[in-house]
Amino acid sequence: MLKTLLPHPLLTLLIVLMWILLSGFSVGSAAFGLILGVAIPRLTSAYWPDRTRIGSPLTIVEYALIVLWDIVVANFQVAYLILFRRGDDLHSQFVTIPLDLRTPEAITALAGTITMTPGTVSASLSADGRALLVHCLETNDPEQTVAGIKSRYESRLQRIFET
């Protein structure tokens, strides 16, 4: 009964919270957010035949804090590059990241994380889903950039999505 009413309970909770945050808290807003939170997952559940299994909730919190920290640090780094370095002095290049991730959700989360971090953007995913092409605004050592992305993000995403 509960599974038919709430086929994706975390998505329901996320929709309700986002609606309240976007529209401001009131009883009417919370009620409408709850209606949306129940209706949207039920209407779209046919398009999600395989439910994603989420691993360690503590790893999700750890991942979110690392990503937020990296975004703040990258903002300062990019601001420094823009203000104090000439375009000729930048070492921007494309870097190919071989992926150990296999689930589409994990790959999407990695690509989104890279794009959200200032100074990097996910440019392309290989046809077989085994490599991600990333443009870096500034990198002197592409191997170190790849190793950093794999250790900071990919390893945690594996624990979240592929355990």
Protein backbone atom coordinates (compact mmCIF):
# COMPACT_ATOMS: atom_id res chain seq x y z
CA MET A 1 0.00 0.00 0.00
CA LEU A 2 2.67 2.48 1.04
CA LYS A 3 4.88 1.56 -1.93
CA THR A 4 2.06 2.37 -4.38
CA LEU A 5 1.31 5.65 -2.63
CA LEU A 6 4.98 6.66 -2.35
CA PRO A 7 6.99 4.76 -4.98
CA HIS A 8 10.01 7.02 -4.40
CA PRO A 9 9.80 8.35 -0.83
CA LEU A 10 13.11 10.23 -0.94
CA LEU A 11 12.04 12.00 -4.13
CA THR A 12 8.73 12.88 -2.47
CA LEU A 13 10.56 14.36 0.50
CA LEU A 14 12.94 16.27 -1.77
CA ILE A 15 10.08 17.74 -3.84
CA VAL A 16 8.18 18.83 -0.72
CA LEU A 17 11.27 20.44 0.83
CA MET A 18 12.27 22.19 -2.40
CA TRP A 19 8.74 23.51 -2.92
CA ILE A 20 8.63 24.92 0.60
CA LEU A 21 12.08 26.49 0.21
CA LEU A 22 11.20 28.05 -3.13
CA SER A 23 7.74 29.32 -2.27
CA GLY A 24 8.14 30.17 1.39
CA PHE A 25 6.62 28.32 4.30
CA SER A 26 2.90 28.47 4.89
CA VAL A 27 0.31 25.79 5.50
CA GLY A 28 -1.06 26.16 1.96
CA SER A 29 2.40 26.01 0.44
CA ALA A 30 3.32 22.93 2.46
CA ALA A 31 0.04 21.24 1.48
CA PHE A 32 0.57 21.97 -2.21
CA GLY A 33 4.19 20.78 -1.92
CA LEU A 34 2.91 17.53 -0.40
CA ILE A 35 0.42 17.11 -3.26
CA LEU A 36 3.24 17.64 -5.78
CA GLY A 37 5.56 15.36 -3.80
CA VAL A 38 3.05 12.52 -3.95
CA ALA A 39 1.73 13.11 -7.49
CA ILE A 40 4.97 13.60 -9.43
CA PRO A 41 6.69 10.35 -8.35
CA ARG A 42 3.47 8.37 -8.87
CA LEU A 43 2.93 9.82 -12.36
CA THR A 44 6.54 9.24 -13.38
CA SER A 45 7.16 5.88 -11.67
CA ALA A 46 6.48 3.99 -14.93
CA TYR A 47 9.55 5.67 -16.38
CA TRP A 48 11.73 4.43 -13.51
CA PRO A 49 11.55 0.65 -13.78
CA ASP A 50 14.73 0.06 -11.78
CA ARG A 51 14.86 1.95 -8.54
CA THR A 52 18.23 3.35 -7.67
CA ARG A 53 19.64 1.96 -4.47
CA ILE A 54 21.32 4.57 -2.33
CA GLY A 55 24.13 3.40 -0.07
CA SER A 56 25.59 4.98 3.02
CA PRO A 57 23.68 8.15 4.00
CA LEU A 58 26.76 9.32 5.88
CA THR A 59 28.75 9.17 2.64
CA ILE A 60 26.12 11.39 0.99
CA VAL A 61 26.62 14.03 3.68
CA GLU A 62 30.40 13.70 3.38
CA TYR A 63 30.18 14.02 -0.42
CA ALA A 64 27.93 17.09 -0.20
CA LEU A 65 30.30 18.82 2.24
CA ILE A 66 33.34 18.05 0.05
CA VAL A 67 31.57 19.36 -3.05
CA LEU A 68 30.47 22.54 -1.27
CA TRP A 69 34.00 23.12 0.02
CA ASP A 70 35.47 22.51 -3.45
CA ILE A 71 33.01 24.97 -5.00
CA VAL A 72 33.98 27.69 -2.52
CA VAL A 73 37.72 27.10 -3.02
CA ALA A 74 37.33 26.93 -6.83
CA ASN A 75 35.47 30.26 -6.84
CA PHE A 76 38.49 31.94 -5.25
CA GLN A 77 40.90 30.16 -7.60
CA VAL A 78 38.95 31.20 -10.70
CA ALA A 79 38.60 34.76 -9.41
CA TYR A 80 42.38 34.89 -8.96
CA LEU A 81 42.93 33.54 -12.48
CA ILE A 82 40.58 36.09 -13.99
CA LEU A 83 41.88 39.07 -12.03
CA PHE A 84 45.61 38.44 -11.96
CA ARG A 85 46.52 36.17 -14.88
CA ARG A 86 46.43 36.84 -18.58
CA GLY A 87 44.66 34.44 -20.91
CA ASP A 88 47.98 33.57 -22.56
CA ASP A 89 49.33 32.30 -19.24
CA LEU A 90 46.49 29.86 -18.55
CA HIS A 91 47.10 26.16 -18.98
CA SER A 92 43.60 25.13 -19.97
CA GLN A 93 43.07 21.76 -21.59
CA PHE A 94 40.74 18.84 -22.02
CA VAL A 95 41.31 15.88 -19.71
CA THR A 96 39.87 12.39 -20.18
CA ILE A 97 38.76 10.71 -16.99
CA PRO A 98 38.44 6.92 -17.23
CA LEU A 99 35.35 5.93 -15.26
CA ASP A 100 34.96 3.08 -12.81
CA LEU A 101 31.34 4.14 -12.27
CA ARG A 102 28.73 2.07 -14.11
CA THR A 103 25.30 3.33 -13.06
CA PRO A 104 23.83 6.25 -15.02
CA GLU A 105 22.88 8.04 -11.81
CA ALA A 106 26.44 7.95 -10.48
CA ILE A 107 27.91 9.10 -13.80
CA THR A 108 25.37 11.93 -13.98
CA ALA A 109 26.19 12.99 -10.41
CA LEU A 110 29.90 13.05 -11.24
CA ALA A 111 29.41 15.04 -14.45
CA GLY A 112 27.12 17.48 -12.63
CA THR A 113 29.58 17.89 -9.77
CA ILE A 114 32.42 18.64 -12.17
CA THR A 115 30.30 21.18 -14.04
CA MET A 116 29.12 22.88 -10.82
CA THR A 117 32.71 23.38 -9.70
CA PRO A 118 34.04 26.63 -11.20
CA GLY A 119 36.94 26.15 -13.58
CA THR A 120 35.84 22.75 -14.86
CA VAL A 121 33.07 21.59 -17.14
CA SER A 122 32.00 18.13 -18.27
CA ALA A 123 32.13 18.22 -22.04
CA SER A 124 31.27 14.72 -23.22
CA LEU A 125 30.64 11.16 -22.13
CA SER A 126 32.05 8.43 -24.33
CA ALA A 127 29.55 6.25 -26.19
CA ASP A 128 30.35 3.25 -24.00
CA GLY A 129 30.10 5.31 -20.79
CA ARG A 130 33.66 4.47 -19.77
CA ALA A 131 35.26 7.93 -20.03
CA LEU A 132 34.29 11.51 -19.31
CA LEU A 133 35.86 14.41 -21.19
CA VAL A 134 36.40 17.41 -18.90
CA HIS A 135 37.66 20.88 -19.77
CA CYS A 136 39.85 22.43 -17.08
CA LEU A 137 40.46 26.18 -17.07
CA GLU A 138 43.81 25.72 -15.38
CA THR A 139 45.78 22.50 -14.95
CA ASN A 140 49.51 21.95 -15.00
CA ASP A 141 49.27 18.23 -14.34
CA PRO A 142 46.37 16.42 -16.08
CA GLU A 143 47.18 13.13 -14.32
CA GLN A 144 46.93 14.82 -10.93
CA THR A 145 43.61 16.40 -11.96
CA VAL A 146 42.25 12.98 -12.95
CA ALA A 147 43.53 11.40 -9.73
CA GLY A 148 41.95 14.18 -7.66
CA ILE A 149 38.54 13.79 -9.31
CA LYS A 150 38.65 10.02 -8.94
CA SER A 151 39.67 10.09 -5.28
CA ARG A 152 37.50 13.00 -4.11
CA TYR A 153 34.33 12.33 -6.11
CA GLU A 154 34.23 9.03 -7.95
CA SER A 155 35.22 6.82 -5.01
CA ARG A 156 32.46 8.33 -2.86
CA LEU A 157 29.89 8.10 -5.65
CA GLN A 158 30.70 4.40 -5.97
CA ARG A 159 29.93 3.92 -2.28
CA ILE A 160 26.70 5.92 -2.63
CA PHE A 161 25.29 4.42 -5.83
CA GLU A 162 27.04 1.12 -6.47
CA THR A 163 27.15 -0.77 -3.19
